[in-house]
Amino acid sequence: PHVPQQTQATMSSIDFQDWVATWDFEEWLGQIDPYLWANLGVALTIGISVAGAAWGIYITGVSLLGAAVKCPRIRSKNLISIIFCEAVAIYGIIMAIVMNQKVEAPKDGGLSEKSYFSGFALLGAGLTTGLANLFCGLCVGVIGSSCALADAQNPTLFVKILIIEIFGSALGLFGVIIGIILAATAGFS
């Protein structure tokens, strides 16, 4: 009898499926040091928040400079939009400092369930704060861009759009508040 040979791609697919079926996710998570998760959360908080601020500054700055060519009077008062974007990075820095204060060496020298919980809690706080600030930076950047363009056309619209921008900036504060709540549950000792 002739048995068809399987291709290498099919064998790799079968091997991968067997590996996934036998892979123990909980054991894998338990093998990684909880301090890695905690410090990764701290790094993600500041890294993603700064990326959100930079993106917002880029969006606002391009529109502000473009509109200022035709209407130079908008340059100074529309810098408030840049400051709102920069506040997003400051939220991330504040949270990184708060979270870093929670990371401490265990007193008994070993790792406990509390250590793993704390590591995952700080990772969650970092992701929550970072992503909230990323989207906040984008929101404030788009609104700041609209504010600059609208102000160049009609100066009475500046304050109205600025109020909307303040509400957009509050999104980052919500992320910081949730991050503080999550980080408060962490304690390695």
N, C-alpha and C. Protein backbone atom coordinates (compact mmCIF):
# COMPACT_ATOMS: atom_id res chain seq x y z
N PRO A 1 0.83 -1.19 0.00
CA PRO A 1 0.00 0.00 0.00
C PRO A 1 0.87 1.25 0.00
N HIS A 2 0.43 2.23 -0.73
CA HIS A 2 1.16 3.49 -0.84
C HIS A 2 0.61 4.49 0.19
N VAL A 3 1.48 4.98 1.07
CA VAL A 3 1.09 5.96 2.08
C VAL A 3 1.63 7.31 1.64
N PRO A 4 0.74 8.30 1.46
CA PRO A 4 1.24 9.62 1.03
C PRO A 4 2.09 10.25 2.11
N GLN A 5 3.15 10.87 1.69
CA GLN A 5 4.02 11.54 2.65
C GLN A 5 3.45 12.91 2.99
N GLN A 6 3.55 13.24 4.28
CA GLN A 6 3.07 14.56 4.70
C GLN A 6 4.16 15.58 4.45
N THR A 7 3.73 16.75 4.11
CA THR A 7 4.70 17.82 3.89
C THR A 7 5.22 18.33 5.22
N GLN A 8 6.31 19.02 5.19
CA GLN A 8 6.91 19.58 6.40
C GLN A 8 5.97 20.59 7.07
N ALA A 9 5.24 21.38 6.28
CA ALA A 9 4.33 22.37 6.84
C ALA A 9 3.21 21.68 7.63
N THR A 10 2.71 20.54 7.11
CA THR A 10 1.65 19.81 7.81
C THR A 10 2.18 19.23 9.11
N MET A 11 3.38 18.70 9.08
CA MET A 11 3.97 18.14 10.29
C MET A 11 4.21 19.23 11.33
N SER A 12 4.65 20.39 10.90
CA SER A 12 4.87 21.49 11.83
C SER A 12 3.56 21.93 12.46
N SER A 13 2.50 21.92 11.67
CA SER A 13 1.20 22.31 12.18
C SER A 13 0.71 21.30 13.22
N ILE A 14 0.90 20.03 12.96
CA ILE A 14 0.48 18.99 13.91
C ILE A 14 1.32 19.08 15.18
N ASP A 15 2.62 19.27 15.04
CA ASP A 15 3.48 19.41 16.21
C ASP A 15 3.08 20.61 17.05
N PHE A 16 2.77 21.70 16.40
CA PHE A 16 2.37 22.91 17.13
C PHE A 16 1.06 22.68 17.86
N GLN A 17 0.11 22.01 17.23
CA GLN A 17 -1.17 21.74 17.88
C GLN A 17 -0.99 20.83 19.09
N ASP A 18 -0.11 19.84 18.98
CA ASP A 18 0.18 18.98 20.13
C ASP A 18 0.82 19.78 21.25
N TRP A 19 1.71 20.66 20.89
CA TRP A 19 2.40 21.47 21.90
C TRP A 19 1.42 22.39 22.61
N VAL A 20 0.51 23.02 21.85
CA VAL A 20 -0.48 23.90 22.46
C VAL A 20 -1.42 23.11 23.37
N ALA A 21 -1.79 21.92 22.95
CA ALA A 21 -2.71 21.10 23.75
C ALA A 21 -2.08 20.69 25.08
N THR A 22 -0.77 20.51 25.10
CA THR A 22 -0.11 20.07 26.34
C THR A 22 0.53 21.22 27.11
N TRP A 23 0.45 22.41 26.59
CA TRP A 23 1.10 23.56 27.24
C TRP A 23 0.30 24.01 28.44
N ASP A 24 0.94 24.16 29.56
CA ASP A 24 0.28 24.59 30.79
C ASP A 24 0.56 26.07 31.00
N PHE A 25 -0.44 26.89 30.70
CA PHE A 25 -0.29 28.35 30.78
C PHE A 25 -0.01 28.79 32.21
N GLU A 26 -0.69 28.19 33.16
CA GLU A 26 -0.51 28.57 34.57
C GLU A 26 0.90 28.27 35.05
N GLU A 27 1.45 27.13 34.62
CA GLU A 27 2.82 26.79 35.01
C GLU A 27 3.81 27.77 34.39
N TRP A 28 3.55 28.15 33.14
CA TRP A 28 4.44 29.09 32.46
C TRP A 28 4.45 30.44 33.17
N LEU A 29 3.25 30.92 33.55
CA LEU A 29 3.18 32.20 34.27
C LEU A 29 3.89 32.11 35.62
N GLY A 30 3.78 30.95 36.27
CA GLY A 30 4.42 30.78 37.56
C GLY A 30 5.93 30.70 37.50
N GLN A 31 6.48 30.39 36.34
CA GLN A 31 7.94 30.29 36.19
C GLN A 31 8.59 31.66 35.98
N ILE A 32 7.81 32.64 35.61
CA ILE A 32 8.37 33.97 35.35
C ILE A 32 8.31 34.78 36.64
N ASP A 33 9.41 35.40 36.96
CA ASP A 33 9.54 36.17 38.20
C ASP A 33 8.49 37.28 38.26
N PRO A 34 7.78 37.41 39.37
CA PRO A 34 6.76 38.47 39.46
C PRO A 34 7.35 39.87 39.39
N TYR A 35 8.63 40.01 39.70
CA TYR A 35 9.27 41.33 39.59
C TYR A 35 9.41 41.75 38.13
N LEU A 36 9.51 40.77 37.24
CA LEU A 36 9.53 41.10 35.81
C LEU A 36 8.19 41.70 35.41
N TRP A 37 7.07 41.08 35.86
CA TRP A 37 5.75 41.59 35.53
C TRP A 37 5.55 42.98 36.12
N ALA A 38 5.98 43.17 37.36
CA ALA A 38 5.82 44.47 38.02
C ALA A 38 6.61 45.56 37.29
N ASN A 39 7.87 45.28 36.99
CA ASN A 39 8.70 46.28 36.32
C ASN A 39 8.26 46.50 34.88
N LEU A 40 7.73 45.45 34.26
CA LEU A 40 7.17 45.63 32.91
C LEU A 40 5.97 46.56 32.96
N GLY A 41 5.15 46.44 34.01
CA GLY A 41 4.02 47.36 34.18
C GLY A 41 4.47 48.80 34.36
N VAL A 42 5.53 49.00 35.15
CA VAL A 42 6.07 50.35 35.35
C VAL A 42 6.57 50.91 34.02
N ALA A 43 7.30 50.09 33.27
CA ALA A 43 7.85 50.54 31.98
C ALA A 43 6.74 50.84 30.98
N LEU A 44 5.72 49.99 30.94
CA LEU A 44 4.62 50.22 30.00
C LEU A 44 3.83 51.48 30.35
N THR A 45 3.69 51.75 31.64
CA THR A 45 2.98 52.96 32.05
C THR A 45 3.63 54.20 31.46
N ILE A 46 4.91 54.32 31.68
CA ILE A 46 5.59 55.53 31.24
C ILE A 46 5.79 55.52 29.72
N GLY A 47 6.12 54.36 29.17
CA GLY A 47 6.38 54.28 27.73
C GLY A 47 5.16 54.58 26.88
N ILE A 48 4.05 53.93 27.19
CA ILE A 48 2.84 54.13 26.39
C ILE A 48 2.26 55.53 26.62
N SER A 49 2.37 56.03 27.86
CA SER A 49 1.86 57.38 28.14
C SER A 49 2.64 58.44 27.37
N VAL A 50 3.95 58.30 27.32
CA VAL A 50 4.78 59.25 26.58
C VAL A 50 4.49 59.14 25.08
N ALA A 51 4.25 57.92 24.60
CA ALA A 51 3.90 57.76 23.18
C ALA A 51 2.57 58.46 22.87
N GLY A 52 1.60 58.35 23.78
CA GLY A 52 0.33 59.04 23.59
C GLY A 52 0.50 60.55 23.59
N ALA A 53 1.34 61.05 24.51
CA ALA A 53 1.59 62.48 24.56
C ALA A 53 2.29 62.96 23.28
N ALA A 54 3.27 62.20 22.83
CA ALA A 54 4.00 62.58 21.62
C ALA A 54 3.08 62.59 20.40
N TRP A 55 2.24 61.60 20.31
CA TRP A 55 1.31 61.52 19.19
C TRP A 55 0.33 62.69 19.21
N GLY A 56 -0.18 63.01 20.39
CA GLY A 56 -1.08 64.15 20.51
C GLY A 56 -0.40 65.47 20.18
N ILE A 57 0.83 65.64 20.64
CA ILE A 57 1.58 66.86 20.33
C ILE A 57 1.83 66.97 18.83
N TYR A 58 2.13 65.84 18.21
CA TYR A 58 2.36 65.84 16.77
C TYR A 58 1.09 66.27 16.02
N ILE A 59 -0.05 65.68 16.40
CA ILE A 59 -1.31 66.00 15.71
C ILE A 59 -1.66 67.48 15.91
N THR A 60 -1.56 67.93 17.16
CA THR A 60 -1.91 69.33 17.45
C THR A 60 -0.90 70.29 16.83
N GLY A 61 0.37 69.98 16.96
CA GLY A 61 1.42 70.88 16.49
C GLY A 61 1.39 71.13 15.01
N VAL A 62 1.14 70.09 14.25
CA VAL A 62 1.09 70.25 12.80
C VAL A 62 -0.04 71.20 12.40
N SER A 63 -1.20 71.00 12.99
CA SER A 63 -2.34 71.88 12.65
C SER A 63 -2.13 73.29 13.16
N LEU A 64 -1.55 73.39 14.34
CA LEU A 64 -1.30 74.71 14.93
C LEU A 64 -0.33 75.51 14.07
N LEU A 65 0.76 74.89 13.67
CA LEU A 65 1.73 75.60 12.84
C LEU A 65 1.17 75.92 11.45
N GLY A 66 0.41 74.98 10.90
CA GLY A 66 -0.19 75.23 9.59
C GLY A 66 -1.19 76.37 9.62
N ALA A 67 -2.03 76.38 10.64
CA ALA A 67 -3.03 77.45 10.74
C ALA A 67 -2.40 78.78 11.12
N ALA A 68 -1.28 78.73 11.85
CA ALA A 68 -0.62 79.97 12.27
C ALA A 68 0.04 80.69 11.10
N VAL A 69 0.26 80.01 10.00
CA VAL A 69 0.82 80.67 8.82
C VAL A 69 -0.18 81.70 8.29
N LYS A 70 -1.45 81.33 8.26
CA LYS A 70 -2.48 82.24 7.77
C LYS A 70 -2.99 83.19 8.85
N CYS A 71 -2.93 82.74 10.11
CA CYS A 71 -3.50 83.52 11.21
C CYS A 71 -2.54 83.48 12.41
N PRO A 72 -1.52 84.33 12.42
CA PRO A 72 -0.48 84.25 13.47
C PRO A 72 -0.98 84.47 14.90
N ARG A 73 -2.13 85.09 15.07
CA ARG A 73 -2.60 85.38 16.43
C ARG A 73 -2.94 84.12 17.23
N ILE A 74 -3.11 82.97 16.58
CA ILE A 74 -3.53 81.76 17.30
C ILE A 74 -2.36 81.01 17.94
N ARG A 75 -1.12 81.41 17.62
CA ARG A 75 0.04 80.66 18.10
C ARG A 75 0.09 80.53 19.61
N SER A 76 0.00 81.62 20.31
CA SER A 76 0.24 81.59 21.75
C SER A 76 -0.91 80.97 22.53
N LYS A 77 -2.13 81.34 22.24
CA LYS A 77 -3.22 80.82 23.06
C LYS A 77 -3.53 79.36 22.76
N ASN A 78 -3.19 78.87 21.59
CA ASN A 78 -3.43 77.47 21.27
C ASN A 78 -2.33 76.55 21.79
N LEU A 79 -1.32 77.11 22.41
CA LEU A 79 -0.29 76.27 23.05
C LEU A 79 -0.87 75.50 24.23
N ILE A 80 -2.02 75.91 24.72
CA ILE A 80 -2.67 75.19 25.81
C ILE A 80 -2.97 73.75 25.39
N SER A 81 -3.24 73.55 24.11
CA SER A 81 -3.49 72.19 23.61
C SER A 81 -2.23 71.33 23.72
N ILE A 82 -1.09 71.93 23.45
CA ILE A 82 0.19 71.22 23.61
C ILE A 82 0.42 70.88 25.08
N ILE A 83 0.07 71.79 25.95
CA ILE A 83 0.24 71.55 27.40
C ILE A 83 -0.67 70.42 27.86
N PHE A 84 -1.90 70.35 27.35
CA PHE A 84 -2.79 69.25 27.69
C PHE A 84 -2.20 67.92 27.23
N CYS A 85 -1.60 67.90 26.06
CA CYS A 85 -0.97 66.67 25.57
C CYS A 85 0.21 66.29 26.46
N GLU A 86 0.98 67.27 26.87
CA GLU A 86 2.14 66.99 27.72
C GLU A 86 1.70 66.48 29.09
N ALA A 87 0.53 66.89 29.54
CA ALA A 87 0.01 66.41 30.83
C ALA A 87 -0.19 64.90 30.80
N VAL A 88 -0.48 64.35 29.64
CA VAL A 88 -0.65 62.91 29.51
C VAL A 88 0.65 62.18 29.88
N ALA A 89 1.78 62.70 29.42
CA ALA A 89 3.07 62.10 29.78
C ALA A 89 3.33 62.24 31.27
N ILE A 90 2.93 63.36 31.84
CA ILE A 90 3.12 63.57 33.28
C ILE A 90 2.27 62.58 34.08
N TYR A 91 1.06 62.26 33.60
CA TYR A 91 0.24 61.24 34.27
C TYR A 91 1.00 59.92 34.31
N GLY A 92 1.63 59.56 33.21
CA GLY A 92 2.39 58.31 33.16
C GLY A 92 3.59 58.32 34.09
N ILE A 93 4.27 59.45 34.16
CA ILE A 93 5.43 59.55 35.06
C ILE A 93 4.99 59.43 36.52
N ILE A 94 3.89 60.09 36.87
CA ILE A 94 3.39 60.01 38.24
C ILE A 94 3.02 58.57 38.59
N MET A 95 2.32 57.90 37.68
CA MET A 95 1.93 56.51 37.96
C MET A 95 3.14 55.60 38.05
N ALA A 96 4.15 55.83 37.22
CA ALA A 96 5.36 55.01 37.29
C ALA A 96 6.04 55.17 38.64
N ILE A 97 6.06 56.38 39.16
CA ILE A 97 6.66 56.62 40.48
C ILE A 97 5.84 55.92 41.56
N VAL A 98 4.52 56.04 41.50
CA VAL A 98 3.64 55.38 42.48
C VAL A 98 3.84 53.87 42.42
N MET A 99 3.86 53.32 41.22
CA MET A 99 3.99 51.87 41.07
C MET A 99 5.37 51.38 41.49
N ASN A 100 6.39 52.16 41.19
CA ASN A 100 7.75 51.76 41.55
C ASN A 100 7.93 51.70 43.07
N GLN A 101 7.19 52.51 43.80
CA GLN A 101 7.26 52.48 45.26
C GLN A 101 6.71 51.17 45.82
N LYS A 102 5.86 50.49 45.06
CA LYS A 102 5.27 49.23 45.51
C LYS A 102 6.21 48.04 45.32
N VAL A 103 7.20 48.19 44.46
CA VAL A 103 8.12 47.09 44.18
C VAL A 103 9.22 47.10 45.24
N GLU A 104 9.23 46.04 46.06
CA GLU A 104 10.23 45.93 47.12
C GLU A 104 10.63 44.47 47.26
N ALA A 105 11.82 44.26 47.77
CA ALA A 105 12.32 42.89 47.95
C ALA A 105 11.51 42.17 49.01
N PRO A 106 11.25 40.87 48.79
CA PRO A 106 10.49 40.14 49.82
C PRO A 106 11.30 40.01 51.10
N LYS A 107 10.62 40.12 52.22
CA LYS A 107 11.32 40.09 53.51
C LYS A 107 11.87 38.72 53.86
N ASP A 108 11.17 37.66 53.45
CA ASP A 108 11.63 36.31 53.78
C ASP A 108 12.55 35.73 52.70
N GLY A 109 12.77 36.45 51.63
CA GLY A 109 13.68 36.02 50.58
C GLY A 109 13.03 35.14 49.53
N GLY A 110 11.82 34.66 49.75
CA GLY A 110 11.14 33.80 48.80
C GLY A 110 9.98 34.51 48.13
N LEU A 111 9.42 33.83 47.14
CA LEU A 111 8.27 34.36 46.43
C LEU A 111 7.01 33.66 46.92
N SER A 112 5.99 34.44 47.15
CA SER A 112 4.73 33.89 47.62
C SER A 112 3.64 34.17 46.59
N GLU A 113 2.43 33.68 46.89
CA GLU A 113 1.30 33.99 46.01
C GLU A 113 1.04 35.49 45.98
N LYS A 114 1.27 36.16 47.10
CA LYS A 114 1.09 37.62 47.17
C LYS A 114 2.07 38.32 46.22
N SER A 115 3.28 37.78 46.10
CA SER A 115 4.26 38.37 45.17
C SER A 115 3.77 38.27 43.73
N TYR A 116 3.25 37.10 43.37
CA TYR A 116 2.74 36.94 42.00
C TYR A 116 1.52 37.82 41.76
N PHE A 117 0.63 37.87 42.74
CA PHE A 117 -0.54 38.75 42.62
C PHE A 117 -0.10 40.19 42.44
N SER A 118 0.88 40.62 43.22
CA SER A 118 1.36 42.01 43.14
C SER A 118 2.00 42.29 41.79
N GLY A 119 2.76 41.33 41.28
CA GLY A 119 3.38 41.52 39.97
C GLY A 119 2.35 41.69 38.87
N PHE A 120 1.32 40.84 38.89
CA PHE A 120 0.26 40.94 37.89
C PHE A 120 -0.59 42.19 38.09
N ALA A 121 -0.79 42.58 39.35
CA ALA A 121 -1.57 43.81 39.63
C ALA A 121 -0.84 45.03 39.07
N LEU A 122 0.47 45.08 39.24
CA LEU A 122 1.22 46.23 38.71
C LEU A 122 1.30 46.19 37.19
N LEU A 123 1.35 44.99 36.62
CA LEU A 123 1.30 44.90 35.15
C LEU A 123 -0.04 45.41 34.65
N GLY A 124 -1.12 45.01 35.31
CA GLY A 124 -2.45 45.49 34.92
C GLY A 124 -2.59 46.99 35.09
N ALA A 125 -2.05 47.51 36.20
CA ALA A 125 -2.10 48.96 36.42
C ALA A 125 -1.32 49.70 35.34
N GLY A 126 -0.18 49.15 34.97
CA GLY A 126 0.64 49.79 33.93
C GLY A 126 -0.03 49.78 32.57
N LEU A 127 -0.60 48.64 32.21
CA LEU A 127 -1.31 48.57 30.93
C LEU A 127 -2.54 49.48 30.91
N THR A 128 -3.29 49.47 31.99
CA THR A 128 -4.50 50.29 32.06
C THR A 128 -4.15 51.77 31.94
N THR A 129 -3.19 52.21 32.74
CA THR A 129 -2.81 53.62 32.72
C THR A 129 -2.18 54.00 31.38
N GLY A 130 -1.29 53.17 30.89
CA GLY A 130 -0.62 53.47 29.62
C GLY A 130 -1.59 53.56 28.45
N LEU A 131 -2.48 52.58 28.34
CA LEU A 131 -3.43 52.60 27.22
C LEU A 131 -4.44 53.73 27.35
N ALA A 132 -4.89 53.99 28.58
CA ALA A 132 -5.81 55.12 28.77
C ALA A 132 -5.13 56.43 28.37
N ASN A 133 -3.86 56.58 28.71
CA ASN A 133 -3.13 57.80 28.35
C ASN A 133 -2.79 57.85 26.87
N LEU A 134 -2.59 56.71 26.24
CA LEU A 134 -2.37 56.70 24.80
C LEU A 134 -3.60 57.24 24.07
N PHE A 135 -4.76 56.73 24.44
CA PHE A 135 -5.99 57.18 23.79
C PHE A 135 -6.35 58.61 24.21
N CYS A 136 -6.00 58.97 25.43
CA CYS A 136 -6.22 60.35 25.87
C CYS A 136 -5.36 61.31 25.05
N GLY A 137 -4.10 60.95 24.81
CA GLY A 137 -3.22 61.79 24.00
C GLY A 137 -3.74 61.95 22.59
N LEU A 138 -4.25 60.86 22.02
CA LEU A 138 -4.84 60.96 20.68
C LEU A 138 -6.08 61.85 20.69
N CYS A 139 -6.91 61.67 21.70
CA CYS A 139 -8.15 62.47 21.80
C CYS A 139 -7.82 63.95 21.94
N VAL A 140 -6.92 64.27 22.86
CA VAL A 140 -6.56 65.67 23.08
C VAL A 140 -5.86 66.24 21.85
N GLY A 141 -5.07 65.42 21.18
CA GLY A 141 -4.39 65.89 19.97
C GLY A 141 -5.35 66.23 18.85
N VAL A 142 -6.34 65.38 18.63
CA VAL A 142 -7.32 65.64 17.57
C VAL A 142 -8.17 66.85 17.93
N ILE A 143 -8.59 66.94 19.19
CA ILE A 143 -9.41 68.09 19.59
C ILE A 143 -8.57 69.37 19.54
N GLY A 144 -7.31 69.29 19.96
CA GLY A 144 -6.43 70.47 19.89
C GLY A 144 -6.20 70.92 18.47
N SER A 145 -6.08 69.96 17.56
CA SER A 145 -5.94 70.29 16.15
C SER A 145 -7.19 71.01 15.64
N SER A 146 -8.34 70.48 16.02
CA SER A 146 -9.60 71.12 15.62
C SER A 146 -9.74 72.50 16.23
N CYS A 147 -9.27 72.62 17.48
CA CYS A 147 -9.34 73.92 18.16
C CYS A 147 -8.50 74.96 17.42
N ALA A 148 -7.31 74.58 17.01
CA ALA A 148 -6.44 75.53 16.30
C ALA A 148 -7.06 75.95 14.97
N LEU A 149 -7.58 74.98 14.24
CA LEU A 149 -8.16 75.30 12.94
C LEU A 149 -9.44 76.12 13.08
N ALA A 150 -10.26 75.78 14.08
CA ALA A 150 -11.50 76.53 14.29
C ALA A 150 -11.21 77.94 14.78
N ASP A 151 -10.20 78.08 15.65
CA ASP A 151 -9.83 79.40 16.17
C ASP A 151 -9.29 80.28 15.06
N ALA A 152 -8.61 79.69 14.11
CA ALA A 152 -8.10 80.48 12.99
C ALA A 152 -9.25 81.03 12.14
N GLN A 153 -10.34 80.29 12.06
CA GLN A 153 -11.50 80.72 11.28
C GLN A 153 -12.42 81.66 12.05
N ASN A 154 -12.65 81.32 13.35
CA ASN A 154 -13.62 82.07 14.14
C ASN A 154 -13.13 82.10 15.59
N PRO A 155 -12.61 83.23 16.08
CA PRO A 155 -12.03 83.31 17.42
C PRO A 155 -13.01 83.02 18.56
N THR A 156 -14.30 83.12 18.31
CA THR A 156 -15.26 82.86 19.38
C THR A 156 -15.40 81.36 19.70
N LEU A 157 -14.90 80.51 18.84
CA LEU A 157 -15.00 79.07 19.05
C LEU A 157 -13.92 78.52 19.99
N PHE A 158 -12.89 79.31 20.28
CA PHE A 158 -11.75 78.80 21.04
C PHE A 158 -12.17 78.25 22.41
N VAL A 159 -12.88 79.02 23.19
CA VAL A 159 -13.26 78.61 24.55
C VAL A 159 -14.21 77.42 24.50
N LYS A 160 -15.11 77.38 23.55
CA LYS A 160 -16.05 76.27 23.44
C LYS A 160 -15.34 74.96 23.16
N ILE A 161 -14.39 74.99 22.25
CA ILE A 161 -13.65 73.77 21.93
C ILE A 161 -12.67 73.43 23.03
N LEU A 162 -12.15 74.43 23.72
CA LEU A 162 -11.24 74.18 24.84
C LEU A 162 -11.95 73.41 25.95
N ILE A 163 -13.21 73.67 26.18
CA ILE A 163 -13.97 72.93 27.19
C ILE A 163 -14.08 71.46 26.78
N ILE A 164 -14.31 71.20 25.52
CA ILE A 164 -14.35 69.83 25.03
C ILE A 164 -12.98 69.17 25.22
N GLU A 165 -11.93 69.91 25.00
CA GLU A 165 -10.57 69.38 25.18
C GLU A 165 -10.29 69.03 26.64
N ILE A 166 -10.83 69.81 27.55
CA ILE A 166 -10.67 69.51 28.98
C ILE A 166 -11.36 68.19 29.31
N PHE A 167 -12.54 67.96 28.77
CA PHE A 167 -13.22 66.69 28.98
C PHE A 167 -12.44 65.53 28.37
N GLY A 168 -11.83 65.75 27.23
CA GLY A 168 -10.99 64.71 26.63
C GLY A 168 -9.78 64.41 27.48
N SER A 169 -9.23 65.42 28.10
CA SER A 169 -8.07 65.23 28.97
C SER A 169 -8.41 64.44 30.22
N ALA A 170 -9.68 64.47 30.62
CA ALA A 170 -10.11 63.74 31.81
C ALA A 170 -10.00 62.23 31.61
N LEU A 171 -9.99 61.76 30.36
CA LEU A 171 -9.85 60.33 30.10
C LEU A 171 -8.55 59.79 30.69
N GLY A 172 -7.48 60.56 30.59
CA GLY A 172 -6.21 60.14 31.16
C GLY A 172 -6.27 60.06 32.67
N LEU A 173 -6.99 60.98 33.29
CA LEU A 173 -7.14 60.94 34.75
C LEU A 173 -7.92 59.70 35.19
N PHE A 174 -8.90 59.28 34.40
CA PHE A 174 -9.64 58.07 34.74
C PHE A 174 -8.69 56.87 34.73
N GLY A 175 -7.81 56.81 33.75
CA GLY A 175 -6.83 55.73 33.70
C GLY A 175 -5.89 55.76 34.89
N VAL A 176 -5.48 56.96 35.30
CA VAL A 176 -4.60 57.09 36.47
C VAL A 176 -5.33 56.63 37.73
N ILE A 177 -6.59 56.98 37.87
CA ILE A 177 -7.36 56.59 39.05
C ILE A 177 -7.49 55.06 39.11
N ILE A 178 -7.80 54.44 38.00
CA ILE A 178 -7.91 52.97 37.98
C ILE A 178 -6.54 52.35 38.25
N GLY A 179 -5.47 52.94 37.70
CA GLY A 179 -4.12 52.45 37.98
C GLY A 179 -3.76 52.56 39.45
N ILE A 180 -4.16 53.63 40.09
CA ILE A 180 -3.88 53.79 41.52
C ILE A 180 -4.64 52.74 42.32
N ILE A 181 -5.88 52.49 41.95
CA ILE A 181 -6.67 51.47 42.65
C ILE A 181 -6.02 50.09 42.49
N LEU A 182 -5.59 49.76 41.28
CA LEU A 182 -4.92 48.47 41.06
C LEU A 182 -3.59 48.39 41.79
N ALA A 183 -2.81 49.47 41.73
CA ALA A 183 -1.50 49.46 42.38
C ALA A 183 -1.62 49.40 43.90
N ALA A 184 -2.72 49.92 44.44
CA ALA A 184 -2.90 49.89 45.89
C ALA A 184 -3.04 48.47 46.42
N THR A 185 -3.48 47.54 45.56
CA THR A 185 -3.64 46.15 45.99
C THR A 185 -2.31 45.41 46.01
N ALA A 186 -1.28 45.97 45.41
CA ALA A 186 0.02 45.29 45.32
C ALA A 186 0.83 45.52 46.58
N GLY A 187 1.53 44.49 46.98
CA GLY A 187 2.44 44.56 48.11
C GLY A 187 3.28 43.30 48.15
N PHE A 188 4.54 43.41 47.93
CA PHE A 188 5.40 42.24 47.82
C PHE A 188 5.81 41.67 49.17
N SER A 189 5.60 42.42 50.25
CA SER A 189 6.05 41.91 51.55
C SER A 189 5.06 40.96 52.17
